[in-house]
Structure formats: C-alpha cells, structure tokens
Protein backbone atom coordinates (compact mmCIF):
# COMPACT_ATOMS: atom_id res chain seq x y z
CA MET A 1 0.00 0.00 0.00
CA THR A 2 1.24 3.46 -0.76
CA TYR A 3 0.01 6.93 0.09
CA LYS A 4 1.36 10.18 -1.24
CA HIS A 5 -0.08 13.65 -0.74
CA THR A 6 1.39 17.10 -1.31
CA GLN A 7 -0.07 20.17 0.31
CA SER A 8 0.81 23.49 -1.27
CA ASP A 9 0.99 26.69 0.76
CA THR A 10 -1.11 29.10 -1.26
CA LEU A 11 -1.31 31.72 1.50
CA MET A 12 2.47 31.96 1.81
CA LYS A 13 2.79 32.30 -1.97
CA ILE A 14 0.24 35.13 -1.99
CA VAL A 15 1.86 36.96 0.95
CA LEU A 16 5.36 36.66 -0.48
CA GLY A 17 4.11 37.66 -3.95
CA LEU A 18 2.50 40.77 -2.46
CA THR A 19 5.74 41.49 -0.60
CA LEU A 20 7.64 41.36 -3.90
CA CYS A 21 5.11 43.76 -5.45
CA LEU A 22 5.51 46.12 -2.50
CA LEU A 23 9.30 46.05 -2.88
CA LEU A 24 8.90 46.86 -6.57
CA ILE A 25 6.63 49.82 -5.80
CA ILE A 26 9.02 51.11 -3.13
CA SER A 27 11.89 50.84 -5.63
CA ALA A 28 9.96 52.84 -8.21
CA VAL A 29 9.08 55.51 -5.64
CA ASN A 30 12.73 55.77 -4.58
CA GLY A 31 13.80 56.41 -8.16
CA TRP A 32 15.40 53.00 -8.66
CA GLN A 33 18.43 53.87 -6.52
CA THR A 34 21.24 51.36 -6.93
CA THR A 35 21.68 50.54 -3.24
CA PHE A 36 17.96 49.98 -2.84
CA LEU A 37 17.83 47.84 -5.97
CA LEU A 38 20.64 45.67 -4.59
CA SER A 39 18.76 45.32 -1.30
CA MET A 40 15.57 44.48 -3.17
CA GLY A 41 17.44 41.90 -5.23
CA GLY A 42 18.70 40.24 -2.06
CA ALA A 43 15.22 40.29 -0.52
CA THR A 44 13.72 38.90 -3.72
CA LEU A 45 16.22 36.03 -3.78
CA LEU A 46 15.50 35.25 -0.13
CA ILE A 47 11.74 35.24 -0.75
CA LEU A 48 12.12 32.99 -3.79
CA LEU A 49 14.37 30.62 -1.82
CA VAL A 50 11.82 30.38 1.00
CA LEU A 51 9.04 29.72 -1.53
CA TYR A 52 11.11 27.02 -3.21
CA LEU A 53 12.13 25.27 0.01
CA PHE A 54 8.93 25.62 2.05
CA GLY A 55 6.16 26.10 -0.52
CA SER A 56 4.78 22.58 -0.09
CA LEU A 57 4.85 19.59 2.24
CA THR A 58 4.73 16.05 0.85
CA VAL A 59 3.87 13.00 2.95
CA GLU A 60 4.45 9.51 1.60
CA ILE A 61 3.80 6.09 3.08
CA THR A 62 5.45 3.08 1.47
CA ASP A 63 5.31 -0.54 2.52
CA GLU A 64 8.01 0.07 5.12
CA GLU A 65 8.16 3.72 6.10
CA LEU A 66 6.57 7.12 6.53
CA GLN A 67 8.42 9.98 4.89
CA HIS A 68 7.75 13.71 4.75
CA TRP A 69 9.62 16.62 3.22
CA PHE A 70 9.26 20.24 2.25
CA GLY A 71 9.42 21.48 -1.35
CA PRO A 72 12.01 19.68 -3.48
CA GLY A 73 13.07 17.27 -0.73
CA PHE A 74 14.27 19.76 1.85
CA TRP A 75 14.32 18.61 5.48
CA LYS A 76 13.36 15.05 4.59
CA LYS A 77 12.43 12.81 7.50
CA SER A 78 11.59 9.11 7.51
CA TYR A 79 10.29 6.70 10.12
CA LEU A 80 9.88 2.94 9.95
CA LEU A 81 6.20 1.98 10.12
CA GLN A 82 7.03 -0.65 12.73
CA ASP A 83 8.24 2.17 15.03
CA ILE A 84 4.89 4.00 14.89
CA GLU A 85 2.66 3.26 17.85
CA SER A 86 -0.32 5.49 17.03
CA ALA A 87 -1.62 8.28 14.82
CA GLU A 88 -4.48 10.63 15.60
CA ILE A 89 -6.05 13.69 14.02
CA VAL A 90 -5.39 16.88 15.99
CA ARG A 91 -5.93 20.59 15.57
CA ASN A 92 -2.97 22.89 16.18
CA CYS A 93 -3.21 26.13 18.07
CA TRP A 94 -2.78 29.06 15.66
CA ILE A 95 0.20 30.29 17.67
CA TYR A 96 2.27 27.25 16.57
CA GLY A 97 2.52 28.81 13.10
CA TRP A 98 3.92 27.19 10.00
CA GLY A 99 7.25 25.70 9.06
CA ILE A 100 9.27 23.58 11.45
CA ARG A 101 8.41 24.32 15.07
CA LEU A 102 8.99 22.77 18.46
CA THR A 103 5.63 22.72 20.28
CA PRO A 104 4.48 21.28 23.62
CA HIS A 105 3.40 18.24 21.55
CA GLY A 106 6.78 17.67 19.90
CA TRP A 107 8.02 18.86 16.52
CA LEU A 108 5.50 20.25 14.05
CA TYR A 109 6.07 20.20 10.29
CA ASN A 110 3.43 22.38 8.63
CA VAL A 111 2.91 24.59 5.57
CA SER A 112 -0.69 25.71 5.97
CA GLY A 113 -3.78 25.39 8.12
CA LEU A 114 -4.32 24.06 11.61
CA ASP A 115 -5.13 20.39 10.93
CA ALA A 116 -2.45 17.81 11.60
CA VAL A 117 -1.80 14.19 12.43
CA GLN A 118 0.03 13.53 15.68
CA ILE A 119 2.25 10.49 15.50
CA GLN A 120 3.54 8.72 18.56
CA LEU A 121 6.55 6.47 18.15
CA ARG A 122 7.14 3.37 20.29
CA SER A 123 10.08 5.25 21.82
CA GLY A 124 7.60 7.75 23.32
CA ARG A 125 8.57 10.56 20.97
CA LYS A 126 5.72 12.53 19.37
CA PHE A 127 5.57 14.81 16.35
CA ARG A 128 2.91 16.38 14.17
CA ILE A 129 2.58 16.60 10.41
CA GLY A 130 0.31 19.37 9.18
CA THR A 131 -1.98 18.31 6.36
CA ASP A 132 -5.17 19.16 4.53
CA ASP A 133 -5.85 15.39 4.32
CA ALA A 134 -5.74 14.38 7.99
CA GLU A 135 -8.35 11.63 7.57
CA GLY A 136 -6.60 10.11 4.56
CA LEU A 137 -3.18 10.18 6.23
CA THR A 138 -4.50 8.67 9.46
CA ALA A 139 -6.37 5.93 7.58
CA ALA A 140 -3.26 5.12 5.51
CA LEU A 141 -1.12 4.90 8.66
CA GLN A 142 -3.65 2.70 10.44
CA HIS A 143 -3.96 0.46 7.37
CA ALA A 144 -0.18 0.19 7.03
CA ALA A 145 0.19 -0.76 10.70
C-alpha cells in the first residue's frame, strides 16, 4: 500500500508575492536607486528561496516507512512503520505557526492550516505533520500498521 499527498501553501505564496510587489513599488518611488535595488534583489532572492524550500509539504507512506519533506526534498524525515505506535487527528493552536516548530506536543512540520496528524513512536517521541488530508493520512497509517 502506498500513500502520497502534497499540500501546497497558497497563502504563503500570496503573501510573499505581495511582498515582492511592495518592494517593486518602493523601488519605483525611490527612483530606482542602486543601493535599494541591490537590497531588493537580495530580498527577492531570499523570498524565492523560502518559496522554493517551504512552498509545499509532501507526505508519503510506502510498505516500510513514513516519509515527509518540504518542497524539493528539503528537510526530509523518515520513520519505519514498525516504530509507529499510534496516529491521531489533531488541531494545532494558531500560535504554533507554520514551518518547522517545536511545540508542547513535539516537533511540528506544517505549511498551511491548523489540521495535523500527531504520530507517537514506540520510543515515546511525538511529532505532528500538518496536512489538509488528515483523515486520509490517518487511515493510511492505520492500514499500514
């Protein structure tokens, strides 16, 4: 059995796109000054890098393991299915934010929204994977176990 789902972060793309537009407007207002253009170029590259690395979160379950990663394979994690004790649907507090965060419930890997699946390993360690398909991910993990 396999499961693979990618969640894209539309909100982050919109916010960063608007930020780029704002930088462009500020540059035009400032008369396209060289130092500001260089700063804007650096900011633009940083924004594009963040979009590339953290613009999506993919979760995959194979016959032997659970894997998840951001964007093109950045911050890839994998866990043997035999090491997973339980998985349950949870709702994150808005203050936990997005990205990679340490929360009171363990590490959180999230690109958008508040829904997640909390996974408890047999070692006692817990972590959460944010997803817009919490039911599908939980069902796939329970089926694989």
